[in-house]
Amino acid sequence: MSAAAGLTLFGAYMGLGALFALAFVIKGAAAIDPLAKGAPIGFRLLIFPASAALWPLLLVKWLKAARAGDDA
């Protein structure tokens, strides 16, 4: 794999991560952790970079939380 291809894949990963993180900090964080509901903008800005980087793991957690909420 060339360096250009690696950078392209990394850019795509982080681009998807940024889109996911935007949705996650608005809705998803509260779905996973009830204490995050109504959290201030400072908290949301703080978790944005980590949400973008760890988006596959957080997506799975968010989907599991949504599924558990449907069962209740």
C-alpha atoms as a PDB file:
ATOM      1  CA  MET A   1       0.000   0.000   0.000  1.00  0.00           C
ATOM      2  CA  SER A   2       1.409   3.357  -0.938  1.00  0.00           C
ATOM      3  CA  ALA A   3       1.580   6.301   1.405  1.00  0.00           C
ATOM      4  CA  ALA A   4      -0.995   8.173  -0.671  1.00  0.00           C
ATOM      5  CA  ALA A   5      -3.469   5.310  -0.391  1.00  0.00           C
ATOM      6  CA  GLY A   6      -2.898   5.094   3.348  1.00  0.00           C
ATOM      7  CA  LEU A   7      -3.496   8.811   3.762  1.00  0.00           C
ATOM      8  CA  THR A   8      -6.638   8.580   1.639  1.00  0.00           C
ATOM      9  CA  LEU A   9      -7.998   5.774   3.831  1.00  0.00           C
ATOM     10  CA  PHE A  10      -7.112   7.698   6.972  1.00  0.00           C
ATOM     11  CA  GLY A  11      -8.830  10.812   5.606  1.00  0.00           C
ATOM     12  CA  ALA A  12     -11.960   8.827   4.766  1.00  0.00           C
ATOM     13  CA  TYR A  13     -11.975   7.255   8.248  1.00  0.00           C
ATOM     14  CA  MET A  14     -11.649  10.641   9.934  1.00  0.00           C
ATOM     15  CA  GLY A  15     -14.190  12.254   7.603  1.00  0.00           C
ATOM     16  CA  LEU A  16     -16.755   9.611   8.488  1.00  0.00           C
ATOM     17  CA  GLY A  17     -15.708   9.994  12.107  1.00  0.00           C
ATOM     18  CA  ALA A  18     -16.337  13.743  12.061  1.00  0.00           C
ATOM     19  CA  LEU A  19     -19.826  13.224  10.612  1.00  0.00           C
ATOM     20  CA  PHE A  20     -20.558  10.535  13.173  1.00  0.00           C
ATOM     21  CA  ALA A  21     -19.167  12.630  16.031  1.00  0.00           C
ATOM     22  CA  LEU A  22     -21.438  15.522  15.156  1.00  0.00           C
ATOM     23  CA  ALA A  23     -24.509  13.279  15.442  1.00  0.00           C
ATOM     24  CA  PHE A  24     -23.105  11.490  18.479  1.00  0.00           C
ATOM     25  CA  VAL A  25     -22.459  14.584  20.574  1.00  0.00           C
ATOM     26  CA  ILE A  26     -25.966  15.846  19.809  1.00  0.00           C
ATOM     27  CA  LYS A  27     -27.972  12.630  20.351  1.00  0.00           C
ATOM     28  CA  GLY A  28     -25.830   9.548  20.901  1.00  0.00           C
ATOM     29  CA  ALA A  29     -23.983  10.449  24.078  1.00  0.00           C
ATOM     30  CA  ALA A  30     -27.258  10.762  25.981  1.00  0.00           C
ATOM     31  CA  ALA A  31     -28.435   7.422  24.588  1.00  0.00           C
ATOM     32  CA  ILE A  32     -25.345   5.661  25.904  1.00  0.00           C
ATOM     33  CA  ASP A  33     -24.997   7.579  29.174  1.00  0.00           C
ATOM     34  CA  PRO A  34     -28.056   9.208  30.744  1.00  0.00           C
ATOM     35  CA  LEU A  35     -25.805  11.612  32.670  1.00  0.00           C
ATOM     36  CA  ALA A  36     -24.773  13.164  29.347  1.00  0.00           C
ATOM     37  CA  LYS A  37     -28.342  14.300  28.698  1.00  0.00           C
ATOM     38  CA  GLY A  38     -28.453  18.075  28.894  1.00  0.00           C
ATOM     39  CA  ALA A  39     -24.663  18.336  29.134  1.00  0.00           C
ATOM     40  CA  PRO A  40     -23.188  21.764  28.398  1.00  0.00           C
ATOM     41  CA  ILE A  41     -21.507  22.674  25.120  1.00  0.00           C
ATOM     42  CA  GLY A  42     -18.080  22.448  26.761  1.00  0.00           C
ATOM     43  CA  PHE A  43     -18.594  18.758  27.477  1.00  0.00           C
ATOM     44  CA  ARG A  44     -19.776  18.133  23.927  1.00  0.00           C
ATOM     45  CA  LEU A  45     -16.748  19.925  22.484  1.00  0.00           C
ATOM     46  CA  LEU A  46     -14.512  17.888  24.756  1.00  0.00           C
ATOM     47  CA  ILE A  47     -15.838  14.515  23.593  1.00  0.00           C
ATOM     48  CA  PHE A  48     -16.004  15.442  19.883  1.00  0.00           C
ATOM     49  CA  PRO A  49     -12.377  14.505  18.959  1.00  0.00           C
ATOM     50  CA  ALA A  50     -12.506  11.173  20.775  1.00  0.00           C
ATOM     51  CA  SER A  51     -15.896  10.421  19.229  1.00  0.00           C
ATOM     52  CA  ALA A  52     -14.460  11.075  15.776  1.00  0.00           C
ATOM     53  CA  ALA A  53     -11.473   8.818  16.429  1.00  0.00           C
ATOM     54  CA  LEU A  54     -13.384   5.989  18.105  1.00  0.00           C
ATOM     55  CA  TRP A  55     -16.537   6.157  15.997  1.00  0.00           C
ATOM     56  CA  PRO A  56     -16.803   2.430  15.117  1.00  0.00           C
ATOM     57  CA  LEU A  57     -16.828   1.439  18.799  1.00  0.00           C
ATOM     58  CA  LEU A  58     -19.257   4.179  19.772  1.00  0.00           C
ATOM     59  CA  LEU A  59     -21.551   3.318  16.873  1.00  0.00           C
ATOM     60  CA  VAL A  60     -21.836  -0.260  18.152  1.00  0.00           C
ATOM     61  CA  LYS A  61     -22.565   0.999  21.687  1.00  0.00           C
ATOM     62  CA  TRP A  62     -25.157   3.457  20.377  1.00  0.00           C
ATOM     63  CA  LEU A  63     -26.896   0.749  18.330  1.00  0.00           C
ATOM     64  CA  LYS A  64     -26.931  -1.617  21.320  1.00  0.00           C
ATOM     65  CA  ALA A  65     -28.387   1.118  23.541  1.00  0.00           C
ATOM     66  CA  ALA A  66     -31.068   1.861  20.939  1.00  0.00           C
ATOM     67  CA  ARG A  67     -31.938  -1.831  20.672  1.00  0.00           C
ATOM     68  CA  ALA A  68     -32.125  -2.176  24.463  1.00  0.00           C
ATOM     69  CA  GLY A  69     -34.404   0.870  24.600  1.00  0.00           C
ATOM     70  CA  ASP A  70     -36.757  -0.700  22.051  1.00  0.00           C
ATOM     71  CA  ASP A  71     -37.026  -3.887  24.116  1.00  0.00           C
ATOM     72  CA  ALA A  72     -38.003  -2.050  27.294  1.00  0.00           C
END
